[in-house]
Amino acid sequence: MTSPKIEAQVAKEEVSNPLFADKSWRSSPLPWPLKEDICNWIHDLSSAAIGFYQAIDLLYRKSWKGESVLRNENLSVPWVADYFDAGKPDWLVEHTRSESNRSLLPAVLRPDLIPHEDGIALTEWDSVPGGIGLTAQLEGLYRVDNDLGMVRSFGNALVNTAKHFGGKSANMVIAVSEEADTYFPEMQWICDKLKKLGFSIQACKTDDLEIKKGSLFLKSTKVDLVYRFWELFDHENVGVMHALTALVDTGEVVVTPPMKHIQEEKLSLALFHHHRLEPFWNEILGKKDLSILRSAIPKSWIIEPHKLPPGAYFDGPLSKGRKLTSWLDLGKASKKERRLVLKASGFHETAWGARSVVIGDDVSSDDWLSSITHSIDSYPSPIYVIQDFKKPRTFKHSVFDEQNNSNLESGRIRLSPYFFVNEMQANWEGTLATFCPTDKKIIHGMKDGVLMPCNR
């Protein structure tokens, strides 16, 4: 099959009118190719995503209720809820635990996947992902999909979420916070496409929403569904959020992704590897889901300030070949032992966009110690996690230069597939590829990077 291709001028026009405000990137004449085995792997991951999020929901609920997380054996883990709830306002914790929120999943899930020498690393789950509109637009530009499959799948996920309000006939809004304003043009583009498909939907700023007489309104229109495009940590700047939880609890409106802090924490990845929770994961997940998650999620640990008794040690990486009695011991680790990634778990302004990421063997030992010290002192606002660093593989791909010439360049890739949740099924539709120069250890959207859709 011949791969789609675009001309330099077309790519230039696309970048000059981006759906991300005040952002720029480079372009390629070709989409990123996904081989059949990778496609099969991502399909399997979409199924595992549902199992993982349902398991986290169950684990948290049984933890705060003080119930055993195992069916035929007593295993109480109240410390799981302590981790998730640390640093969160009481009203948000109460809302997360409410029956109205029980078992609700985000409408969209997006894993960030990094191919490395031994496989693919799942470094993060994103339940409030940008890029849906951009990826759909790029798919059309590269003729990967001329039928707006991503927009249709997103719409179906919203219909499923709003089924108690008439589904497609529900009045919907995509509400964007000031913090996420970069994505507002993208959300407007999505709404324009959905309107042409018969949806009643508008993009708005969170400040445009108003609660009147026990209902939510955008100007004179009563709102049934809110697609929440703001992070929960930003609650102080999203004035309607606290009151909105009460409307959700009484069934006046539905919000997706649900306002559940447990779905926005990277510490969930560390809980997946926690030795005391191994029986829970073995019992709750099927063999196939368990296998793919174990192969994908790097070994991860939660950084915490708690002191240990003299004979104890932390389950964590080694430092100078020895087990940790304090997380500060990691500051003495050798360069080889520092092949680790430190990052904020969630519920903080530094927890997205790679703002908090520190790669241990990419900084001096003094800077590494300083970063570890900061992560301990910051607990629980935010909580930090540490992961094994999986060095990204190097690939070659055609890229347009400033003179619109196509050149083969070396770089590293991040794959971001979009899973749209409908009736507890995750439908994979569309993948954004981010191709960054080899001198960039952290792969994310940047002006030197290339954004393109994947072809499969």
Protein backbone atom coordinates (compact mmCIF):
# COMPACT_ATOMS: atom_id res chain seq x y z
CA MET A 1 0.00 0.00 0.00
CA THR A 2 1.37 3.43 -0.98
CA SER A 3 1.76 5.73 2.02
CA PRO A 4 -0.09 9.08 1.90
CA LYS A 5 2.10 12.09 1.27
CA ILE A 6 1.69 15.87 1.47
CA GLU A 7 3.55 18.70 -0.18
CA ALA A 8 5.67 21.24 1.69
CA GLN A 9 3.33 24.15 0.96
CA VAL A 10 0.33 22.26 2.32
CA ALA A 11 2.25 21.43 5.50
CA LYS A 12 3.39 25.04 5.84
CA GLU A 13 -0.17 26.33 5.58
CA GLU A 14 -1.31 23.82 8.19
CA VAL A 15 1.37 24.91 10.67
CA SER A 16 0.62 28.60 10.03
CA ASN A 17 -3.01 28.06 11.10
CA PRO A 18 -2.64 25.73 14.08
CA LEU A 19 -5.46 24.46 16.28
CA PHE A 20 -3.14 25.06 19.25
CA ALA A 21 -2.89 28.79 19.99
CA ASP A 22 0.63 30.25 20.05
CA LYS A 23 2.25 26.88 19.30
CA SER A 24 4.44 25.84 16.39
CA TRP A 25 6.07 22.64 15.23
CA ARG A 26 7.71 21.09 12.21
CA SER A 27 6.11 18.88 9.58
CA SER A 28 6.80 15.74 7.61
CA PRO A 29 5.72 14.78 4.11
CA LEU A 30 4.68 11.37 5.47
CA PRO A 31 2.57 10.08 8.36
CA TRP A 32 4.22 7.82 10.89
CA PRO A 33 3.83 4.15 9.84
CA LEU A 34 2.53 1.65 12.38
CA LYS A 35 3.42 -1.97 11.73
CA GLU A 36 0.80 -4.70 12.13
CA ASP A 37 2.32 -6.08 15.34
CA ILE A 38 2.29 -2.61 16.94
CA CYS A 39 -1.32 -2.11 15.87
CA ASN A 40 -2.31 -5.42 17.43
CA TRP A 41 -0.46 -4.44 20.61
CA ILE A 42 -2.27 -1.09 20.84
CA HIS A 43 -5.64 -2.79 20.26
CA ASP A 44 -4.89 -5.09 23.19
CA LEU A 45 -3.83 -2.10 25.28
CA SER A 46 -7.19 -0.40 24.65
CA SER A 47 -8.91 -3.34 26.32
CA ALA A 48 -6.43 -3.31 29.19
CA ALA A 49 -7.09 0.41 29.68
CA ILE A 50 -10.68 -0.26 30.71
CA GLY A 51 -9.62 -3.03 33.09
CA PHE A 52 -6.92 -0.83 34.64
CA TYR A 53 -9.22 2.15 35.30
CA GLN A 54 -11.98 -0.07 36.68
CA ALA A 55 -9.43 -1.72 38.96
CA ILE A 56 -8.14 1.62 40.27
CA ASP A 57 -11.73 2.66 40.99
CA LEU A 58 -12.39 -0.57 42.90
CA LEU A 59 -9.07 -0.45 44.74
CA TYR A 60 -9.69 3.10 45.94
CA ARG A 61 -13.28 2.40 47.01
CA LYS A 62 -12.36 -0.67 49.03
CA SER A 63 -9.40 1.18 50.52
CA TRP A 64 -11.34 4.12 51.93
CA LYS A 65 -14.15 1.84 53.08
CA GLY A 66 -11.66 -0.35 54.94
CA GLU A 67 -12.72 -3.47 53.04
CA SER A 68 -10.49 -6.29 51.87
CA VAL A 69 -9.38 -5.86 48.26
CA LEU A 70 -9.34 -9.66 47.82
CA ARG A 71 -12.35 -11.97 47.61
CA ASN A 72 -11.17 -14.95 49.65
CA GLU A 73 -8.38 -13.44 51.70
CA ASN A 74 -8.17 -10.46 54.02
CA LEU A 75 -6.00 -7.70 52.56
CA SER A 76 -6.79 -4.22 53.84
CA VAL A 77 -4.90 -1.32 52.25
CA PRO A 78 -6.09 2.00 53.77
CA TRP A 79 -2.80 3.59 52.71
CA VAL A 80 -3.93 3.49 49.05
CA ALA A 81 -6.70 6.02 49.77
CA ASP A 82 -4.24 8.02 51.88
CA TYR A 83 -1.96 8.38 48.85
CA PHE A 84 -4.76 9.39 46.50
CA ASP A 85 -6.43 11.81 48.93
CA ALA A 86 -3.28 13.54 50.21
CA GLY A 87 -3.32 17.23 49.38
CA LYS A 88 -6.87 17.19 47.93
CA PRO A 89 -9.74 19.37 49.23
CA ASP A 90 -12.32 17.51 51.27
CA TRP A 91 -15.19 18.36 48.91
CA LEU A 92 -13.36 16.78 45.96
CA VAL A 93 -12.63 13.62 47.94
CA GLU A 94 -16.30 13.45 48.96
CA HIS A 95 -17.41 13.89 45.35
CA THR A 96 -15.02 11.21 44.10
CA ARG A 97 -16.51 8.80 46.64
CA SER A 98 -20.14 9.66 45.82
CA GLU A 99 -22.50 7.11 44.27
CA SER A 100 -23.05 9.47 41.32
CA ASN A 101 -19.41 8.98 40.37
CA ARG A 102 -19.14 5.29 41.08
CA SER A 103 -17.48 3.35 38.26
CA LEU A 104 -17.62 6.31 35.82
CA LEU A 105 -14.79 6.34 33.30
CA PRO A 106 -13.46 9.24 31.21
CA ALA A 107 -14.89 9.55 27.69
CA VAL A 108 -11.35 9.59 26.29
CA LEU A 109 -8.18 7.85 27.47
CA ARG A 110 -4.79 8.46 25.91
CA PRO A 111 -1.64 6.60 26.87
CA ASP A 112 1.75 8.10 26.04
CA LEU A 113 3.87 5.34 24.54
CA ILE A 114 7.64 5.40 24.05
CA PRO A 115 9.21 2.68 21.84
CA HIS A 116 12.52 1.51 23.33
CA GLU A 117 14.97 -1.27 22.60
CA ASP A 118 13.05 -3.91 24.54
CA GLY A 119 9.46 -2.94 23.72
CA ILE A 120 7.11 -0.04 24.38
CA ALA A 121 6.90 1.93 27.63
CA LEU A 122 3.61 3.38 28.84
CA THR A 123 4.83 6.45 30.70
CA GLU A 124 1.48 8.08 31.43
CA TRP A 125 -2.29 7.74 31.09
CA ASP A 126 -4.01 11.02 30.20
CA SER A 127 -7.74 11.31 30.90
CA VAL A 128 -7.92 14.99 29.86
CA PRO A 129 -6.00 14.81 26.59
CA GLY A 130 -5.62 17.56 24.04
CA GLY A 131 -4.95 16.74 20.43
CA ILE A 132 -8.21 15.06 19.42
CA GLY A 133 -9.07 17.78 16.91
CA LEU A 134 -5.49 18.26 15.78
CA THR A 135 -5.01 14.55 15.10
CA ALA A 136 -8.32 14.38 13.22
CA GLN A 137 -7.32 17.42 11.15
CA LEU A 138 -3.91 15.91 10.37
CA GLU A 139 -5.53 12.60 9.39
CA GLY A 140 -7.60 14.46 6.83
CA LEU A 141 -4.61 16.44 5.60
CA TYR A 142 -2.54 13.28 5.07
CA ARG A 143 -5.56 11.37 3.73
CA VAL A 144 -5.21 8.82 6.51
CA ASP A 145 -8.93 9.26 7.29
CA ASN A 146 -11.23 11.44 5.19
CA ASP A 147 -14.34 10.67 7.24
CA LEU A 148 -13.47 12.36 10.57
CA GLY A 149 -13.42 9.01 12.36
CA MET A 150 -11.90 10.52 15.51
CA VAL A 151 -14.56 13.23 15.74
CA ARG A 152 -17.32 10.66 15.23
CA SER A 153 -15.86 8.37 17.91
CA PHE A 154 -15.54 11.30 20.30
CA GLY A 155 -19.16 12.21 19.60
CA ASN A 156 -20.27 8.63 20.26
CA ALA A 157 -18.44 8.69 23.59
CA LEU A 158 -20.28 11.90 24.54
CA VAL A 159 -23.62 10.40 23.45
CA ASN A 160 -22.95 7.39 25.67
CA THR A 161 -22.10 9.66 28.61
CA ALA A 162 -25.25 11.76 28.07
CA LYS A 163 -27.65 8.83 27.51
CA HIS A 164 -29.81 9.84 30.49
CA PHE A 165 -30.24 13.29 28.92
CA GLY A 166 -31.29 12.09 25.49
CA GLY A 167 -27.88 11.18 24.11
CA LYS A 168 -27.21 13.11 20.93
CA SER A 169 -30.07 15.55 21.62
CA ALA A 170 -28.53 16.64 24.94
CA ASN A 171 -27.18 20.17 25.21
CA MET A 172 -23.41 19.83 25.50
CA VAL A 173 -20.47 22.15 26.09
CA ILE A 174 -16.72 21.73 25.96
CA ALA A 175 -15.55 23.98 28.79
CA VAL A 176 -11.93 25.16 28.66
CA SER A 177 -10.07 26.72 31.58
CA GLU A 178 -7.71 29.67 31.31
CA GLU A 179 -4.83 27.28 32.12
CA ALA A 180 -5.74 25.22 29.02
CA ASP A 181 -6.54 28.18 26.76
CA THR A 182 -3.94 27.03 24.20
CA TYR A 183 -6.40 24.31 23.19
CA PHE A 184 -9.48 26.54 22.80
CA PRO A 185 -9.20 26.80 18.97
CA GLU A 186 -9.03 23.01 18.80
CA MET A 187 -12.19 22.65 20.89
CA GLN A 188 -14.02 25.15 18.71
CA TRP A 189 -12.99 23.15 15.64
CA ILE A 190 -14.30 19.92 17.19
CA CYS A 191 -17.61 21.57 18.06
CA ASP A 192 -18.01 22.89 14.50
CA LYS A 193 -17.55 19.36 13.15
CA LEU A 194 -19.94 17.82 15.69
CA LYS A 195 -22.63 20.42 14.93
CA LYS A 196 -22.53 19.31 11.29
CA LEU A 197 -23.21 15.79 12.58
CA GLY A 198 -26.32 16.97 14.40
CA PHE A 199 -24.97 17.67 17.88
CA SER A 200 -26.05 20.56 20.09
CA ILE A 201 -22.63 21.52 21.39
CA GLN A 202 -20.58 24.67 22.01
CA ALA A 203 -17.06 25.47 23.15
CA CYS A 204 -16.85 27.95 26.00
CA LYS A 205 -14.60 29.22 28.73
CA THR A 206 -15.26 27.91 32.23
CA ASP A 207 -16.08 31.46 33.35
CA ASP A 208 -18.97 31.49 30.87
CA LEU A 209 -20.83 28.79 32.80
CA GLU A 210 -23.37 29.87 35.39
CA ILE A 211 -25.51 28.00 37.91
CA LYS A 212 -29.09 29.29 38.16
CA LYS A 213 -32.06 27.75 39.94
CA GLY A 214 -30.28 24.47 40.52
CA SER A 215 -29.15 23.97 36.90
CA LEU A 216 -26.12 24.79 34.79
CA PHE A 217 -26.43 27.35 32.00
CA LEU A 218 -24.37 28.73 29.16
CA LYS A 219 -26.08 32.07 28.63
CA SER A 220 -29.76 31.11 28.20
CA THR A 221 -29.15 27.45 27.34
CA LYS A 222 -29.47 24.79 30.02
CA VAL A 223 -26.45 22.46 29.88
CA ASP A 224 -26.86 18.69 30.21
CA LEU A 225 -23.27 17.55 29.59
CA VAL A 226 -19.93 19.22 30.25
CA TYR A 227 -16.82 17.89 28.58
CA ARG A 228 -14.31 19.06 31.17
CA PHE A 229 -11.16 20.43 29.62
CA TRP A 230 -9.47 21.53 32.79
CA GLU A 231 -7.28 19.76 35.33
CA LEU A 232 -8.71 19.24 38.81
CA PHE A 233 -5.75 20.98 40.47
CA ASP A 234 -7.01 24.21 38.88
CA HIS A 235 -10.20 24.26 40.97
CA GLU A 236 -9.44 27.64 42.53
CA ASN A 237 -9.44 29.23 39.06
CA VAL A 238 -12.49 27.33 37.82
CA GLY A 239 -15.09 29.10 39.91
CA VAL A 240 -18.00 26.84 38.97
CA MET A 241 -16.27 23.56 39.82
CA HIS A 242 -17.16 23.16 43.51
CA ALA A 243 -20.85 23.94 42.93
CA LEU A 244 -20.82 21.75 39.82
CA THR A 245 -20.05 18.67 41.92
CA ALA A 246 -23.36 19.15 43.76
CA LEU A 247 -25.27 19.28 40.46
CA VAL A 248 -23.61 16.06 39.33
CA ASP A 249 -24.49 14.38 42.63
CA THR A 250 -28.17 15.30 42.19
CA GLY A 251 -28.25 14.19 38.55
CA GLU A 252 -28.81 17.67 37.08
CA VAL A 253 -25.79 17.46 34.80
CA VAL A 254 -23.10 14.98 33.79
CA VAL A 255 -19.40 15.82 33.56
CA THR A 256 -16.77 13.88 31.64
CA PRO A 257 -14.05 13.14 32.39
CA PRO A 258 -15.64 12.74 35.82
CA MET A 259 -14.24 14.95 38.54
CA LYS A 260 -12.41 12.06 40.22
CA HIS A 261 -8.90 12.87 41.39
CA ILE A 262 -7.91 9.19 41.37
CA GLN A 263 -8.02 9.24 37.55
CA GLU A 264 -5.42 12.01 37.25
CA GLU A 265 -2.54 10.59 39.29
CA LYS A 266 0.57 8.91 37.90
CA LEU A 267 0.94 7.18 41.27
CA SER A 268 -1.57 4.65 39.91
CA LEU A 269 1.30 3.27 37.81
CA ALA A 270 3.36 2.81 40.97
CA LEU A 271 0.45 1.04 42.68
CA PHE A 272 0.34 -1.38 39.76
CA HIS A 273 3.88 -2.44 40.66
CA HIS A 274 3.45 -2.33 44.45
CA HIS A 275 4.50 -5.67 45.91
CA ARG A 276 1.71 -5.68 48.50
CA LEU A 277 -0.92 -5.22 45.79
CA GLU A 278 0.28 -8.00 43.50
CA PRO A 279 -2.48 -10.41 44.66
CA PHE A 280 -5.11 -7.74 43.90
CA TRP A 281 -3.93 -7.18 40.33
CA ASN A 282 -3.62 -10.92 39.74
CA GLU A 283 -7.20 -11.42 40.90
CA ILE A 284 -8.90 -8.45 39.24
CA LEU A 285 -7.27 -8.41 35.79
CA GLY A 286 -7.43 -11.05 33.11
CA LYS A 287 -4.18 -12.73 32.07
CA LYS A 288 -4.01 -10.88 28.76
CA ASP A 289 -4.57 -7.43 30.29
CA LEU A 290 -2.15 -8.19 33.12
CA SER A 291 0.52 -9.33 30.69
CA ILE A 292 0.37 -6.28 28.45
CA LEU A 293 0.33 -3.84 31.38
CA ARG A 294 3.32 -5.55 32.98
CA SER A 295 5.21 -5.34 29.72
CA ALA A 296 4.33 -1.67 29.21
CA ILE A 297 4.33 0.11 32.59
CA PRO A 298 7.89 0.85 33.78
CA LYS A 299 8.72 -0.07 37.35
CA SER A 300 7.50 2.92 39.38
CA TRP A 301 7.59 4.05 43.01
CA ILE A 302 5.97 6.77 45.12
CA ILE A 303 8.36 9.22 46.81
CA GLU A 304 7.33 9.91 50.40
CA PRO A 305 8.81 11.58 53.49
CA HIS A 306 7.86 8.87 56.00
CA LYS A 307 10.64 7.63 58.27
CA LEU A 308 11.31 3.92 58.65
CA PRO A 309 12.26 1.87 61.71
CA PRO A 310 15.96 0.87 61.86
CA GLY A 311 15.58 -2.56 60.25
CA ALA A 312 13.29 -1.52 57.37
CA TYR A 313 13.92 -0.30 53.85
CA PHE A 314 11.89 1.10 50.96
CA ASP A 315 10.80 -0.93 47.97
CA GLY A 316 12.61 1.12 45.35
CA PRO A 317 15.72 1.45 43.17
CA LEU A 318 19.18 0.74 44.54
CA SER A 319 21.74 3.34 45.54
CA LYS A 320 25.40 2.29 45.60
CA GLY A 321 24.07 -1.24 45.29
CA ARG A 322 22.15 -0.94 48.56
CA LYS A 323 18.42 -0.76 49.38
CA LEU A 324 16.98 2.59 50.43
CA THR A 325 16.33 3.49 54.05
CA SER A 326 15.42 7.03 52.97
CA TRP A 327 14.54 8.42 49.55
CA LEU A 328 17.42 10.84 50.10
CA ASP A 329 19.72 7.84 49.65
CA LEU A 330 18.95 8.11 45.93
CA GLY A 331 20.97 11.30 45.89
CA LYS A 332 24.09 9.15 46.31
CA ALA A 333 23.21 6.79 43.43
CA SER A 334 25.76 6.22 40.69
CA LYS A 335 25.14 7.58 37.21
CA LYS A 336 24.10 4.12 36.01
CA GLU A 337 21.71 3.75 38.94
CA ARG A 338 20.25 7.16 38.10
CA ARG A 339 18.60 5.89 34.91
CA LEU A 340 15.38 7.06 36.47
CA VAL A 341 12.68 9.62 35.76
CA LEU A 342 11.31 11.85 38.51
CA LYS A 343 7.95 13.56 37.90
CA ALA A 344 4.97 15.05 39.74
CA SER A 345 2.13 12.55 40.04
CA GLY A 346 -0.79 14.94 39.53
CA PHE A 347 -3.04 17.62 41.07
CA HIS A 348 -0.46 20.33 40.50
CA GLU A 349 0.39 22.83 37.79
CA THR A 350 3.78 21.15 37.20
CA ALA A 351 2.26 17.71 36.64
CA TRP A 352 1.55 18.15 32.92
CA GLY A 353 3.56 19.20 29.89
CA ALA A 354 6.80 17.65 31.21
CA ARG A 355 7.22 20.63 33.55
CA SER A 356 8.37 18.57 36.52
CA VAL A 357 10.30 15.85 34.69
CA VAL A 358 13.92 15.24 35.71
CA ILE A 359 15.95 12.41 34.18
CA GLY A 360 18.51 11.25 36.72
CA ASP A 361 21.47 10.42 34.48
CA ASP A 362 20.94 13.64 32.50
CA VAL A 363 21.77 15.94 35.43
CA SER A 364 24.66 16.27 37.86
CA SER A 365 24.62 14.34 41.12
CA ASP A 366 24.09 17.63 43.00
CA ASP A 367 21.10 18.56 40.85
CA TRP A 368 19.71 15.05 41.22
CA LEU A 369 19.99 15.25 45.02
CA SER A 370 18.34 18.67 44.93
CA SER A 371 15.46 17.29 42.86
CA ILE A 372 14.97 14.34 45.21
CA THR A 373 15.06 16.67 48.22
CA HIS A 374 12.48 18.95 46.60
CA SER A 375 10.17 16.02 45.86
CA ILE A 376 10.28 14.90 49.49
CA ASP A 377 9.80 18.40 50.87
CA SER A 378 6.87 19.03 48.49
CA TYR A 379 4.83 16.03 49.63
CA PRO A 380 1.84 15.95 49.28
CA SER A 381 1.49 19.02 47.05
CA PRO A 382 2.44 17.43 44.79
CA ILE A 383 3.30 13.81 45.33
CA TYR A 384 6.19 12.70 43.14
CA VAL A 385 6.79 9.34 41.51
CA ILE A 386 9.97 7.86 40.15
CA GLN A 387 10.15 5.47 37.19
CA ASP A 388 12.75 3.34 35.48
CA PHE A 389 13.90 5.30 32.45
CA LYS A 390 13.42 3.41 29.21
CA LYS A 391 15.74 5.01 26.67
CA PRO A 392 13.74 5.78 23.51
CA ARG A 393 14.77 4.07 20.29
CA THR A 394 16.20 6.16 17.47
CA PHE A 395 14.37 6.17 14.14
CA LYS A 396 14.77 7.96 10.83
CA HIS A 397 11.92 9.86 9.18
CA SER A 398 11.46 12.45 6.46
CA VAL A 399 11.11 16.01 7.75
CA PHE A 400 10.64 19.35 6.00
CA ASP A 401 13.39 21.91 6.65
CA GLU A 402 12.98 25.71 6.59
CA GLN A 403 13.50 25.74 2.82
CA ASN A 404 10.66 23.22 2.38
CA ASN A 405 13.07 20.46 1.41
CA SER A 406 12.42 16.94 2.65
CA ASN A 407 15.35 15.37 4.52
CA LEU A 408 15.78 12.10 6.37
CA GLU A 409 16.43 12.95 10.03
CA SER A 410 17.14 10.95 13.16
CA GLY A 411 14.82 11.28 16.11
CA ARG A 412 12.84 9.63 18.86
CA ILE A 413 9.12 9.03 18.81
CA ARG A 414 6.17 9.24 21.19
CA LEU A 415 2.94 7.56 20.13
CA SER A 416 -0.34 8.83 21.57
CA PRO A 417 -3.30 6.65 20.58
CA TYR A 418 -6.79 7.86 21.49
CA PHE A 419 -9.24 5.42 23.10
CA PHE A 420 -12.88 6.57 23.06
CA VAL A 421 -14.96 4.91 25.78
CA ASN A 422 -18.46 3.71 24.89
CA GLU A 423 -20.44 1.16 26.92
CA MET A 424 -17.28 0.16 28.81
CA GLN A 425 -15.47 -0.53 25.55
CA ALA A 426 -12.42 1.47 24.47
CA ASN A 427 -12.42 2.15 20.73
CA TRP A 428 -9.02 3.05 19.31
CA GLU A 429 -9.42 5.74 16.69
CA GLY A 430 -6.44 7.86 15.67
CA THR A 431 -2.87 8.22 16.91
CA LEU A 432 -0.70 11.31 17.15
CA ALA A 433 3.03 10.83 16.66
CA THR A 434 5.56 13.28 18.14
CA PHE A 435 9.02 12.99 16.56
CA CYS A 436 11.76 14.86 18.42
CA PRO A 437 15.49 15.36 17.75
CA THR A 438 17.83 12.85 19.36
CA ASP A 439 19.36 15.51 21.61
CA LYS A 440 15.99 15.89 23.39
CA LYS A 441 15.68 13.29 26.13
CA ILE A 442 12.14 14.34 27.05
CA ILE A 443 9.77 13.74 24.13
CA HIS A 444 6.87 16.18 24.03
CA GLY A 445 5.34 18.84 21.79
CA MET A 446 8.03 21.43 21.01
CA LYS A 447 8.93 23.79 18.19
CA ASP A 448 11.78 21.49 17.10
CA GLY A 449 9.50 18.46 17.09
CA VAL A 450 7.36 17.05 14.31
CA LEU A 451 3.66 16.33 14.77
CA MET A 452 1.99 13.89 12.38
CA PRO A 453 -0.76 11.29 12.34
CA CYS A 454 -0.04 7.57 12.25
CA ASN A 455 -0.90 5.45 9.25
CA ARG A 456 -2.14 1.89 9.79
